[in-house]
Amino acid sequence: ADSLGFSGKDPRGSIAMKFPAQEKTTKLLDVQVNVGRTGILAPAAVL
């Protein structure tokens, strides 16, 4: 692995396999409030 050298700053003998994204940025468009059967208010973000 070491004998393979580098590509730029990256060692060629190993690689990082990244996972699919689980977080991203987006815009908050609105807030809706739902009323549950017991009368509890449950606000929800519209993105």
PDB file of all heavy atoms in Angstrom:
ATOM      1  N   ALA A   1       0.830  -1.203   0.000  1.00  0.00           N
ATOM      2  CA  ALA A   1       0.000   0.000   0.000  1.00  0.00           C
ATOM      3  C   ALA A   1       0.866   1.255   0.000  1.00  0.00           C
ATOM      4  O   ALA A   1       0.617   2.205  -0.753  1.00  0.00           O
ATOM      5  CB  ALA A   1      -0.928  -0.012   1.211  1.00  0.00           C
ATOM      6  N   ASP A   2       1.912   1.269   0.815  1.00  0.00           N
ATOM      7  CA  ASP A   2       2.792   2.444   0.889  1.00  0.00           C
ATOM      8  C   ASP A   2       3.539   2.666  -0.421  1.00  0.00           C
ATOM      9  O   ASP A   2       3.827   3.813  -0.800  1.00  0.00           O
ATOM     10  CB  ASP A   2       3.788   2.283   2.037  1.00  0.00           C
ATOM     11  CG  ASP A   2       3.115   2.283   3.405  1.00  0.00           C
ATOM     12  OD1 ASP A   2       1.957   2.735   3.501  1.00  0.00           O
ATOM     13  OD2 ASP A   2       3.749   1.813   4.369  1.00  0.00           O
ATOM     14  N   SER A   3       3.856   1.578  -1.115  1.00  0.00           N
ATOM     15  CA  SER A   3       4.610   1.700  -2.366  1.00  0.00           C
ATOM     16  C   SER A   3       3.791   2.355  -3.478  1.00  0.00           C
ATOM     17  O   SER A   3       4.357   2.813  -4.473  1.00  0.00           O
ATOM     18  CB  SER A   3       5.073   0.307  -2.839  1.00  0.00           C
ATOM     19  OG  SER A   3       3.982  -0.454  -3.356  1.00  0.00           O
ATOM     20  N   LEU A   4       2.469   2.418  -3.316  1.00  0.00           N
ATOM     21  CA  LEU A   4       1.612   3.016  -4.337  1.00  0.00           C
ATOM     22  C   LEU A   4       1.696   4.536  -4.328  1.00  0.00           C
ATOM     23  O   LEU A   4       1.249   5.186  -5.274  1.00  0.00           O
ATOM     24  CB  LEU A   4       0.162   2.568  -4.128  1.00  0.00           C
ATOM     25  CG  LEU A   4      -0.107   1.071  -4.287  1.00  0.00           C
ATOM     26  CD1 LEU A   4      -1.547   0.741  -3.904  1.00  0.00           C
ATOM     27  CD2 LEU A   4       0.183   0.613  -5.716  1.00  0.00           C
ATOM     28  N   GLY A   5       2.239   5.107  -3.262  1.00  0.00           N
ATOM     29  CA  GLY A   5       2.430   6.550  -3.211  1.00  0.00           C
ATOM     30  C   GLY A   5       1.138   7.309  -2.997  1.00  0.00           C
ATOM     31  O   GLY A   5       0.191   6.817  -2.377  1.00  0.00           O
ATOM     32  N   PHE A   6       1.098   8.523  -3.554  1.00  0.00           N
ATOM     33  CA  PHE A   6      -0.003   9.439  -3.280  1.00  0.00           C
ATOM     34  C   PHE A   6      -0.563   9.995  -4.580  1.00  0.00           C
ATOM     35  O   PHE A   6       0.123  10.095  -5.587  1.00  0.00           O
ATOM     36  CB  PHE A   6       0.472  10.616  -2.419  1.00  0.00           C
ATOM     37  CG  PHE A   6       1.060  10.183  -1.102  1.00  0.00           C
ATOM     38  CD1 PHE A   6       2.406   9.819  -1.017  1.00  0.00           C
ATOM     39  CD2 PHE A   6       0.284  10.140   0.033  1.00  0.00           C
ATOM     40  CE1 PHE A   6       2.953   9.428   0.193  1.00  0.00           C
ATOM     41  CE2 PHE A   6       0.822   9.742   1.244  1.00  0.00           C
ATOM     42  CZ  PHE A   6       2.152   9.385   1.325  1.00  0.00           C
ATOM     43  N   SER A   7      -1.827  10.392  -4.504  1.00  0.00           N
ATOM     44  CA  SER A   7      -2.459  11.180  -5.555  1.00  0.00           C
ATOM     45  C   SER A   7      -2.812  12.516  -4.916  1.00  0.00           C
ATOM     46  O   SER A   7      -3.768  12.602  -4.144  1.00  0.00           O
ATOM     47  CB  SER A   7      -3.717  10.478  -6.081  1.00  0.00           C
ATOM     48  OG  SER A   7      -4.367  11.291  -7.043  1.00  0.00           O
ATOM     49  N   GLY A   8      -2.018  13.553  -5.191  1.00  0.00           N
ATOM     50  CA  GLY A   8      -2.172  14.800  -4.448  1.00  0.00           C
ATOM     51  C   GLY A   8      -1.766  14.566  -3.005  1.00  0.00           C
ATOM     52  O   GLY A   8      -0.647  14.153  -2.716  1.00  0.00           O
ATOM     53  N   LYS A   9      -2.682  14.799  -2.069  1.00  0.00           N
ATOM     54  CA  LYS A   9      -2.412  14.559  -0.649  1.00  0.00           C
ATOM     55  C   LYS A   9      -2.964  13.219  -0.184  1.00  0.00           C
ATOM     56  O   LYS A   9      -2.845  12.872   0.992  1.00  0.00           O
ATOM     57  CB  LYS A   9      -3.054  15.673   0.190  1.00  0.00           C
ATOM     58  CG  LYS A   9      -4.576  15.674   0.132  1.00  0.00           C
ATOM     59  CD  LYS A   9      -5.170  16.731   1.039  1.00  0.00           C
ATOM     60  CE  LYS A   9      -6.677  16.781   0.911  1.00  0.00           C
ATOM     61  NZ  LYS A   9      -7.350  15.509   1.241  1.00  0.00           N
ATOM     62  N   ASP A  10      -3.587  12.445  -1.085  1.00  0.00           N
ATOM     63  CA  ASP A  10      -4.312  11.238  -0.681  1.00  0.00           C
ATOM     64  C   ASP A  10      -3.479   9.977  -0.921  1.00  0.00           C
ATOM     65  O   ASP A  10      -3.038   9.723  -2.055  1.00  0.00           O
ATOM     66  CB  ASP A  10      -5.627  11.106  -1.463  1.00  0.00           C
ATOM     67  CG  ASP A  10      -6.512  12.332  -1.317  1.00  0.00           C
ATOM     68  OD1 ASP A  10      -6.536  12.887  -0.201  1.00  0.00           O
ATOM     69  OD2 ASP A  10      -7.168  12.723  -2.298  1.00  0.00           O
ATOM     70  N   PRO A  11      -3.243   9.162   0.121  1.00  0.00           N
ATOM     71  CA  PRO A  11      -2.571   7.879  -0.087  1.00  0.00           C
ATOM     72  C   PRO A  11      -3.409   6.991  -1.015  1.00  0.00           C
ATOM     73  O   PRO A  11      -4.623   6.881  -0.852  1.00  0.00           O
ATOM     74  CB  PRO A  11      -2.505   7.279   1.332  1.00  0.00           C
ATOM     75  CG  PRO A  11      -2.743   8.426   2.257  1.00  0.00           C
ATOM     76  CD  PRO A  11      -3.610   9.391   1.527  1.00  0.00           C
ATOM     77  N   ARG A  12      -2.746   6.371  -1.990  1.00  0.00           N
ATOM     78  CA  ARG A  12      -3.490   5.529  -2.931  1.00  0.00           C
ATOM     79  C   ARG A  12      -3.886   4.182  -2.321  1.00  0.00           C
ATOM     80  O   ARG A  12      -4.784   3.523  -2.832  1.00  0.00           O
ATOM     81  CB  ARG A  12      -2.647   5.285  -4.188  1.00  0.00           C
ATOM     82  CG  ARG A  12      -2.428   6.513  -5.057  1.00  0.00           C
ATOM     83  CD  ARG A  12      -1.844   6.112  -6.403  1.00  0.00           C
ATOM     84  NE  ARG A  12      -1.651   7.259  -7.290  1.00  0.00           N
ATOM     85  CZ  ARG A  12      -0.501   7.882  -7.482  1.00  0.00           C
ATOM     86  NH1 ARG A  12       0.578   7.472  -6.814  1.00  0.00           N
ATOM     87  NH2 ARG A  12      -0.413   8.903  -8.308  1.00  0.00           N
ATOM     88  N   GLY A  13      -3.206   3.772  -1.258  1.00  0.00           N
ATOM     89  CA  GLY A  13      -3.430   2.437  -0.716  1.00  0.00           C
ATOM     90  C   GLY A  13      -4.646   2.280   0.163  1.00  0.00           C
ATOM     91  O   GLY A  13      -4.885   1.192   0.704  1.00  0.00           O
ATOM     92  N   SER A  14      -5.422   3.342   0.340  1.00  0.00           N
ATOM     93  CA  SER A  14      -6.652   3.259   1.126  1.00  0.00           C
ATOM     94  C   SER A  14      -7.639   4.296   0.614  1.00  0.00           C
ATOM     95  O   SER A  14      -7.259   5.246  -0.084  1.00  0.00           O
ATOM     96  CB  SER A  14      -6.360   3.475   2.617  1.00  0.00           C
ATOM     97  OG  SER A  14      -5.642   4.672   2.822  1.00  0.00           O
ATOM     98  N   ILE A  15      -8.905   4.103   0.976  1.00  0.00           N
ATOM     99  CA  ILE A  15      -9.943   5.024   0.518  1.00  0.00           C
ATOM    100  C   ILE A  15     -11.069   5.041   1.534  1.00  0.00           C
ATOM    101  O   ILE A  15     -11.314   4.047   2.228  1.00  0.00           O
ATOM    102  CB  ILE A  15     -10.474   4.611  -0.877  1.00  0.00           C
ATOM    103  CG1 ILE A  15     -11.269   5.752  -1.517  1.00  0.00           C
ATOM    104  CG2 ILE A  15     -11.288   3.320  -0.814  1.00  0.00           C
ATOM    105  CD1 ILE A  15     -11.520   5.555  -2.997  1.00  0.00           C
ATOM    106  N   ALA A  16     -11.731   6.194   1.652  1.00  0.00           N
ATOM    107  CA  ALA A  16     -12.870   6.328   2.563  1.00  0.00           C
ATOM    108  C   ALA A  16     -14.162   6.195   1.764  1.00  0.00           C
ATOM    109  O   ALA A  16     -14.378   6.942   0.814  1.00  0.00           O
ATOM    110  CB  ALA A  16     -12.831   7.673   3.269  1.00  0.00           C
ATOM    111  N   MET A  17     -14.999   5.234   2.141  1.00  0.00           N
ATOM    112  CA  MET A  17     -16.309   5.074   1.509  1.00  0.00           C
ATOM    113  C   MET A  17     -17.345   5.783   2.381  1.00  0.00           C
ATOM    114  O   MET A  17     -17.688   5.320   3.466  1.00  0.00           O
ATOM    115  CB  MET A  17     -16.653   3.599   1.341  1.00  0.00           C
ATOM    116  CG  MET A  17     -15.770   2.850   0.377  1.00  0.00           C
ATOM    117  SD  MET A  17     -16.473   1.248  -0.085  1.00  0.00           S
ATOM    118  CE  MET A  17     -17.872   1.761  -1.107  1.00  0.00           C
ATOM    119  N   LYS A  18     -17.819   6.921   1.890  1.00  0.00           N
ATOM    120  CA  LYS A  18     -18.756   7.725   2.661  1.00  0.00           C
ATOM    121  C   LYS A  18     -20.167   7.151   2.551  1.00  0.00           C
ATOM    122  O   LYS A  18     -20.561   6.621   1.510  1.00  0.00           O
ATOM    123  CB  LYS A  18     -18.748   9.171   2.165  1.00  0.00           C
ATOM    124  CG  LYS A  18     -17.393   9.865   2.282  1.00  0.00           C
ATOM    125  CD  LYS A  18     -17.003  10.141   3.710  1.00  0.00           C
ATOM    126  CE  LYS A  18     -17.822  11.263   4.319  1.00  0.00           C
ATOM    127  NZ  LYS A  18     -17.491  12.587   3.773  1.00  0.00           N
ATOM    128  N   PHE A  19     -20.937   7.303   3.620  1.00  0.00           N
ATOM    129  CA  PHE A  19     -22.323   6.855   3.629  1.00  0.00           C
ATOM    130  C   PHE A  19     -23.220   7.889   2.948  1.00  0.00           C
ATOM    131  O   PHE A  19     -22.862   9.078   2.881  1.00  0.00           O
ATOM    132  CB  PHE A  19     -22.814   6.653   5.059  1.00  0.00           C
ATOM    133  CG  PHE A  19     -22.167   5.499   5.773  1.00  0.00           C
ATOM    134  CD1 PHE A  19     -21.923   5.570   7.130  1.00  0.00           C
ATOM    135  CD2 PHE A  19     -21.805   4.350   5.098  1.00  0.00           C
ATOM    136  CE1 PHE A  19     -21.330   4.515   7.805  1.00  0.00           C
ATOM    137  CE2 PHE A  19     -21.212   3.292   5.753  1.00  0.00           C
ATOM    138  CZ  PHE A  19     -20.980   3.371   7.108  1.00  0.00           C
ATOM    139  N   PRO A  20     -24.397   7.457   2.475  1.00  0.00           N
ATOM    140  CA  PRO A  20     -25.361   8.443   1.959  1.00  0.00           C
ATOM    141  C   PRO A  20     -25.675   9.476   3.033  1.00  0.00           C
ATOM    142  O   PRO A  20     -25.727   9.166   4.224  1.00  0.00           O
ATOM    143  CB  PRO A  20     -26.598   7.590   1.635  1.00  0.00           C
ATOM    144  CG  PRO A  20     -26.057   6.213   1.411  1.00  0.00           C
ATOM    145  CD  PRO A  20     -24.889   6.079   2.349  1.00  0.00           C
ATOM    146  N   ALA A  21     -25.903  10.711   2.595  1.00  0.00           N
ATOM    147  CA  ALA A  21     -26.117  11.805   3.535  1.00  0.00           C
ATOM    148  C   ALA A  21     -27.322  11.554   4.423  1.00  0.00           C
ATOM    149  O   ALA A  21     -28.359  11.061   3.973  1.00  0.00           O
ATOM    150  CB  ALA A  21     -26.326  13.109   2.770  1.00  0.00           C
ATOM    151  N   GLN A  22     -27.192  11.905   5.704  1.00  0.00           N
ATOM    152  CA  GLN A  22     -28.320  11.845   6.629  1.00  0.00           C
ATOM    153  C   GLN A  22     -28.680  13.230   7.147  1.00  0.00           C
ATOM    154  O   GLN A  22     -29.577  13.355   7.971  1.00  0.00           O
ATOM    155  CB  GLN A  22     -27.991  10.932   7.812  1.00  0.00           C
ATOM    156  CG  GLN A  22     -28.016   9.448   7.431  1.00  0.00           C
ATOM    157  CD  GLN A  22     -28.018   8.558   8.655  1.00  0.00           C
ATOM    158  OE1 GLN A  22     -27.176   8.699   9.522  1.00  0.00           O
ATOM    159  NE2 GLN A  22     -28.956   7.637   8.712  1.00  0.00           N
ATOM    160  N   GLU A  23     -27.974  14.244   6.663  1.00  0.00           N
ATOM    161  CA  GLU A  23     -28.356  15.596   7.049  1.00  0.00           C
ATOM    162  C   GLU A  23     -28.057  16.552   5.911  1.00  0.00           C
ATOM    163  O   GLU A  23     -27.075  16.405   5.186  1.00  0.00           O
ATOM    164  CB  GLU A  23     -27.651  16.034   8.332  1.00  0.00           C
ATOM    165  CG  GLU A  23     -26.158  16.152   8.230  1.00  0.00           C
ATOM    166  CD  GLU A  23     -25.533  16.641   9.532  1.00  0.00           C
ATOM    167  OE1 GLU A  23     -26.049  16.283  10.602  1.00  0.00           O
ATOM    168  OE2 GLU A  23     -24.545  17.379   9.461  1.00  0.00           O
ATOM    169  N   LYS A  24     -28.951  17.507   5.734  1.00  0.00           N
ATOM    170  CA  LYS A  24     -28.785  18.542   4.722  1.00  0.00           C
ATOM    171  C   LYS A  24     -29.456  19.816   5.210  1.00  0.00           C
ATOM    172  O   LYS A  24     -30.291  19.789   6.119  1.00  0.00           O
ATOM    173  CB  LYS A  24     -29.394  18.112   3.381  1.00  0.00           C
ATOM    174  CG  LYS A  24     -28.571  17.091   2.607  1.00  0.00           C
ATOM    175  CD  LYS A  24     -29.133  16.869   1.219  1.00  0.00           C
ATOM    176  CE  LYS A  24     -28.276  15.890   0.432  1.00  0.00           C
ATOM    177  NZ  LYS A  24     -28.839  15.656  -0.933  1.00  0.00           N
ATOM    178  N   THR A  25     -29.106  20.914   4.589  1.00  0.00           N
ATOM    179  CA  THR A  25     -29.766  22.176   4.908  1.00  0.00           C
ATOM    180  C   THR A  25     -30.917  22.406   3.943  1.00  0.00           C
ATOM    181  O   THR A  25     -30.863  22.016   2.771  1.00  0.00           O
ATOM    182  CB  THR A  25     -28.780  23.351   4.817  1.00  0.00           C
ATOM    183  OG1 THR A  25     -28.113  23.308   3.544  1.00  0.00           O
ATOM    184  CG2 THR A  25     -27.754  23.293   5.922  1.00  0.00           C
ATOM    185  N   THR A  26     -31.957  23.051   4.447  1.00  0.00           N
ATOM    186  CA  THR A  26     -33.103  23.405   3.618  1.00  0.00           C
ATOM    187  C   THR A  26     -33.767  24.632   4.230  1.00  0.00           C
ATOM    188  O   THR A  26     -33.277  25.174   5.232  1.00  0.00           O
ATOM    189  CB  THR A  26     -34.102  22.240   3.494  1.00  0.00           C
ATOM    190  OG1 THR A  26     -35.095  22.568   2.522  1.00  0.00           O
ATOM    191  CG2 THR A  26     -34.780  21.934   4.821  1.00  0.00           C
ATOM    192  N   LYS A  27     -34.878  25.069   3.667  1.00  0.00           N
ATOM    193  CA  LYS A  27     -35.534  26.296   4.138  1.00  0.00           C
ATOM    194  C   LYS A  27     -36.839  25.963   4.850  1.00  0.00           C
ATOM    195  O   LYS A  27     -37.601  25.086   4.418  1.00  0.00           O
ATOM    196  CB  LYS A  27     -35.798  27.235   2.966  1.00  0.00           C
ATOM    197  CG  LYS A  27     -36.379  28.605   3.369  1.00  0.00           C
ATOM    198  CD  LYS A  27     -36.365  29.580   2.203  1.00  0.00           C
ATOM    199  CE  LYS A  27     -34.950  30.026   1.892  1.00  0.00           C
ATOM    200  NZ  LYS A  27     -34.923  31.092   0.866  1.00  0.00           N
ATOM    201  N   LEU A  28     -37.099  26.660   5.965  1.00  0.00           N
ATOM    202  CA  LEU A  28     -38.360  26.523   6.696  1.00  0.00           C
ATOM    203  C   LEU A  28     -39.391  27.421   6.019  1.00  0.00           C
ATOM    204  O   LEU A  28     -39.276  28.652   6.054  1.00  0.00           O
ATOM    205  CB  LEU A  28     -38.164  26.930   8.164  1.00  0.00           C
ATOM    206  CG  LEU A  28     -39.402  26.923   9.046  1.00  0.00           C
ATOM    207  CD1 LEU A  28     -39.997  25.519   9.146  1.00  0.00           C
ATOM    208  CD2 LEU A  28     -39.074  27.456  10.440  1.00  0.00           C
ATOM    209  N   LEU A  29     -40.398  26.802   5.397  1.00  0.00           N
ATOM    210  CA  LEU A  29     -41.391  27.551   4.623  1.00  0.00           C
ATOM    211  C   LEU A  29     -42.575  28.000   5.461  1.00  0.00           C
ATOM    212  O   LEU A  29     -43.135  29.074   5.241  1.00  0.00           O
ATOM    213  CB  LEU A  29     -41.890  26.698   3.447  1.00  0.00           C
ATOM    214  CG  LEU A  29     -40.836  26.228   2.445  1.00  0.00           C
ATOM    215  CD1 LEU A  29     -41.485  25.385   1.361  1.00  0.00           C
ATOM    216  CD2 LEU A  29     -40.098  27.411   1.835  1.00  0.00           C
ATOM    217  N   ASP A  30     -42.993  27.158   6.424  1.00  0.00           N
ATOM    218  CA  ASP A  30     -44.204  27.461   7.189  1.00  0.00           C
ATOM    219  C   ASP A  30     -44.243  26.577   8.428  1.00  0.00           C
ATOM    220  O   ASP A  30     -43.461  25.617   8.545  1.00  0.00           O
ATOM    221  CB  ASP A  30     -45.445  27.207   6.323  1.00  0.00           C
ATOM    222  CG  ASP A  30     -46.692  27.886   6.873  1.00  0.00           C
ATOM    223  OD1 ASP A  30     -46.567  28.626   7.873  1.00  0.00           O
ATOM    224  OD2 ASP A  30     -47.774  27.669   6.310  1.00  0.00           O
ATOM    225  N   VAL A  31     -45.148  26.901   9.343  1.00  0.00           N
ATOM    226  CA  VAL A  31     -45.399  26.069  10.512  1.00  0.00           C
ATOM    227  C   VAL A  31     -46.897  25.791  10.589  1.00  0.00           C
ATOM    228  O   VAL A  31     -47.710  26.730  10.547  1.00  0.00           O
ATOM    229  CB  VAL A  31     -44.920  26.747  11.808  1.00  0.00           C
ATOM    230  CG1 VAL A  31     -45.315  25.913  13.023  1.00  0.00           C
ATOM    231  CG2 VAL A  31     -43.410  26.956  11.784  1.00  0.00           C
ATOM    232  N   GLN A  32     -47.256  24.528  10.665  1.00  0.00           N
ATOM    233  CA  GLN A  32     -48.649  24.128  10.795  1.00  0.00           C
ATOM    234  C   GLN A  32     -48.862  23.506  12.168  1.00  0.00           C
ATOM    235  O   GLN A  32     -47.995  22.791  12.672  1.00  0.00           O
ATOM    236  CB  GLN A  32     -49.031  23.129   9.709  1.00  0.00           C
ATOM    237  CG  GLN A  32     -48.936  23.689   8.288  1.00  0.00           C
ATOM    238  CD  GLN A  32     -49.261  22.662   7.231  1.00  0.00           C
ATOM    239  OE1 GLN A  32     -49.275  21.472   7.493  1.00  0.00           O
ATOM    240  NE2 GLN A  32     -49.534  23.144   6.020  1.00  0.00           N
ATOM    241  N   VAL A  33     -50.007  23.758  12.771  1.00  0.00           N
ATOM    242  CA  VAL A  33     -50.322  23.227  14.084  1.00  0.00           C
ATOM    243  C   VAL A  33     -51.492  22.256  13.968  1.00  0.00           C
ATOM    244  O   VAL A  33     -52.568  22.618  13.488  1.00  0.00           O
ATOM    245  CB  VAL A  33     -50.669  24.349  15.084  1.00  0.00           C
ATOM    246  CG1 VAL A  33     -51.003  23.755  16.456  1.00  0.00           C
ATOM    247  CG2 VAL A  33     -49.510  25.331  15.205  1.00  0.00           C
ATOM    248  N   ASN A  34     -51.236  21.024  14.375  1.00  0.00           N
ATOM    249  CA  ASN A  34     -52.276  19.990  14.364  1.00  0.00           C
ATOM    250  C   ASN A  34     -52.797  19.780  15.780  1.00  0.00           C
ATOM    251  O   ASN A  34     -52.036  19.809  16.747  1.00  0.00           O
ATOM    252  CB  ASN A  34     -51.717  18.677  13.811  1.00  0.00           C
ATOM    253  CG  ASN A  34     -51.184  18.842  12.398  1.00  0.00           C
ATOM    254  OD1 ASN A  34     -51.845  19.418  11.543  1.00  0.00           O
ATOM    255  ND2 ASN A  34     -49.962  18.361  12.153  1.00  0.00           N
ATOM    256  N   VAL A  35     -54.113  19.550  15.889  1.00  0.00           N
ATOM    257  CA  VAL A  35     -54.728  19.312  17.186  1.00  0.00           C
ATOM    258  C   VAL A  35     -55.020  17.824  17.328  1.00  0.00           C
ATOM    259  O   VAL A  35     -55.750  17.240  16.522  1.00  0.00           O
ATOM    260  CB  VAL A  35     -56.030  20.115  17.340  1.00  0.00           C
ATOM    261  CG1 VAL A  35     -56.635  19.880  18.731  1.00  0.00           C
ATOM    262  CG2 VAL A  35     -55.764  21.597  17.117  1.00  0.00           C
ATOM    263  N   GLY A  36     -54.420  17.186  18.334  1.00  0.00           N
ATOM    264  CA  GLY A  36     -54.631  15.764  18.560  1.00  0.00           C
ATOM    265  C   GLY A  36     -55.978  15.483  19.192  1.00  0.00           C
ATOM    266  O   GLY A  36     -56.723  16.396  19.580  1.00  0.00           O
ATOM    267  N   ARG A  37     -56.324  14.198  19.317  1.00  0.00           N
ATOM    268  CA  ARG A  37     -57.621  13.806  19.868  1.00  0.00           C
ATOM    269  C   ARG A  37     -57.791  14.262  21.312  1.00  0.00           C
ATOM    270  O   ARG A  37     -58.907  14.483  21.782  1.00  0.00           O
ATOM    271  CB  ARG A  37     -57.778  12.282  19.798  1.00  0.00           C
ATOM    272  CG  ARG A  37     -57.997  11.761  18.365  1.00  0.00           C
ATOM    273  CD  ARG A  37     -58.211  10.277  18.355  1.00  0.00           C
ATOM    274  NE  ARG A  37     -57.038   9.564  18.863  1.00  0.00           N
ATOM    275  CZ  ARG A  37     -56.993   8.252  19.078  1.00  0.00           C
ATOM    276  NH1 ARG A  37     -58.066   7.521  18.856  1.00  0.00           N
ATOM    277  NH2 ARG A  37     -55.893   7.678  19.512  1.00  0.00           N
ATOM    278  N   THR A  38     -56.690  14.387  22.026  1.00  0.00           N
ATOM    279  CA  THR A  38     -56.761  14.813  23.426  1.00  0.00           C
ATOM    280  C   THR A  38     -56.624  16.325  23.575  1.00  0.00           C
ATOM    281  O   THR A  38     -56.563  16.837  24.680  1.00  0.00           O
ATOM    282  CB  THR A  38     -55.652  14.127  24.237  1.00  0.00           C
ATOM    283  OG1 THR A  38     -54.382  14.498  23.692  1.00  0.00           O
ATOM    284  CG2 THR A  38     -55.804  12.612  24.192  1.00  0.00           C
ATOM    285  N   GLY A  39     -56.572  17.034  22.446  1.00  0.00           N
ATOM    286  CA  GLY A  39     -56.474  18.480  22.491  1.00  0.00           C
ATOM    287  C   GLY A  39     -55.059  19.009  22.521  1.00  0.00           C
ATOM    288  O   GLY A  39     -54.847  20.223  22.596  1.00  0.00           O
ATOM    289  N   ILE A  40     -54.064  18.117  22.469  1.00  0.00           N
ATOM    290  CA  ILE A  40     -52.666  18.551  22.484  1.00  0.00           C
ATOM    291  C   ILE A  40     -52.313  19.175  21.131  1.00  0.00           C
ATOM    292  O   ILE A  40     -52.639  18.630  20.074  1.00  0.00           O
ATOM    293  CB  ILE A  40     -51.730  17.368  22.791  1.00  0.00           C
ATOM    294  CG1 ILE A  40     -51.988  16.854  24.209  1.00  0.00           C
ATOM    295  CG2 ILE A  40     -50.277  17.764  22.611  1.00  0.00           C
ATOM    296  CD1 ILE A  40     -51.164  15.642  24.566  1.00  0.00           C
ATOM    297  N   LEU A  41     -51.644  20.328  21.176  1.00  0.00           N
ATOM    298  CA  LEU A  41     -51.209  20.994  19.954  1.00  0.00           C
ATOM    299  C   LEU A  41     -49.852  20.452  19.533  1.00  0.00           C
ATOM    300  O   LEU A  41     -48.924  20.376  20.339  1.00  0.00           O
ATOM    301  CB  LEU A  41     -51.112  22.500  20.181  1.00  0.00           C
ATOM    302  CG  LEU A  41     -52.414  23.203  20.612  1.00  0.00           C
ATOM    303  CD1 LEU A  41     -52.161  24.688  20.805  1.00  0.00           C
ATOM    304  CD2 LEU A  41     -53.513  22.981  19.577  1.00  0.00           C
ATOM    305  N   ALA A  42     -49.740  20.076  18.262  1.00  0.00           N
ATOM    306  CA  ALA A  42     -48.490  19.501  17.742  1.00  0.00           C
ATOM    307  C   ALA A  42     -48.027  20.325  16.541  1.00  0.00           C
ATOM    308  O   ALA A  42     -48.505  20.123  15.418  1.00  0.00           O
ATOM    309  CB  ALA A  42     -48.702  18.051  17.335  1.00  0.00           C
ATOM    310  N   PRO A  43     -47.113  21.271  16.748  1.00  0.00           N
ATOM    311  CA  PRO A  43     -46.622  22.067  15.616  1.00  0.00           C
ATOM    312  C   PRO A  43     -45.696  21.239  14.723  1.00  0.00           C
ATOM    313  O   PRO A  43     -44.937  20.396  15.200  1.00  0.00           O
ATOM    314  CB  PRO A  43     -45.853  23.205  16.293  1.00  0.00           C
ATOM    315  CG  PRO A  43     -45.427  22.647  17.612  1.00  0.00           C
ATOM    316  CD  PRO A  43     -46.506  21.683  18.027  1.00  0.00           C
ATOM    317  N   ALA A  44     -45.774  21.483  13.422  1.00  0.00           N
ATOM    318  CA  ALA A  44     -44.926  20.774  12.460  1.00  0.00           C
ATOM    319  C   ALA A  44     -44.360  21.771  11.463  1.00  0.00           C
ATOM    320  O   ALA A  44     -45.039  22.718  11.045  1.00  0.00           O
ATOM    321  CB  ALA A  44     -45.719  19.694  11.737  1.00  0.00           C
ATOM    322  N   ALA A  45     -43.108  21.558  11.100  1.00  0.00           N
ATOM    323  CA  ALA A  45     -42.440  22.436  10.149  1.00  0.00           C
ATOM    324  C   ALA A  45     -42.746  21.983   8.727  1.00  0.00           C
ATOM    325  O   ALA A  45     -42.713  20.786   8.418  1.00  0.00           O
ATOM    326  CB  ALA A  45     -40.940  22.415  10.388  1.00  0.00           C
ATOM    327  N   VAL A  46     -43.039  22.934   7.874  1.00  0.00           N
ATOM    328  CA  VAL A  46     -43.171  22.679   6.433  1.00  0.00           C
ATOM    329  C   VAL A  46     -41.863  23.131   5.795  1.00  0.00           C
ATOM    330  O   VAL A  46     -41.493  24.305   5.877  1.00  0.00           O
ATOM    331  CB  VAL A  46     -44.369  23.434   5.835  1.00  0.00           C
ATOM    332  CG1 VAL A  46     -44.455  23.175   4.332  1.00  0.00           C
ATOM    333  CG2 VAL A  46     -45.657  23.039   6.534  1.00  0.00           C
ATOM    334  N   LEU A  47     -41.154  22.188   5.177  1.00  0.00           N
ATOM    335  CA  LEU A  47     -39.819  22.451   4.662  1.00  0.00           C
ATOM    336  C   LEU A  47     -39.791  22.475   3.141  1.00  0.00           C
ATOM    337  O   LEU A  47     -40.613  21.821   2.477  1.00  0.00           O
ATOM    338  CB  LEU A  47     -38.844  21.369   5.151  1.00  0.00           C
ATOM    339  CG  LEU A  47     -38.770  21.143   6.665  1.00  0.00           C
ATOM    340  CD1 LEU A  47     -37.951  19.903   6.963  1.00  0.00           C
ATOM    341  CD2 LEU A  47     -38.181  22.363   7.355  1.00  0.00           C
TER     342      LEU A  47
END
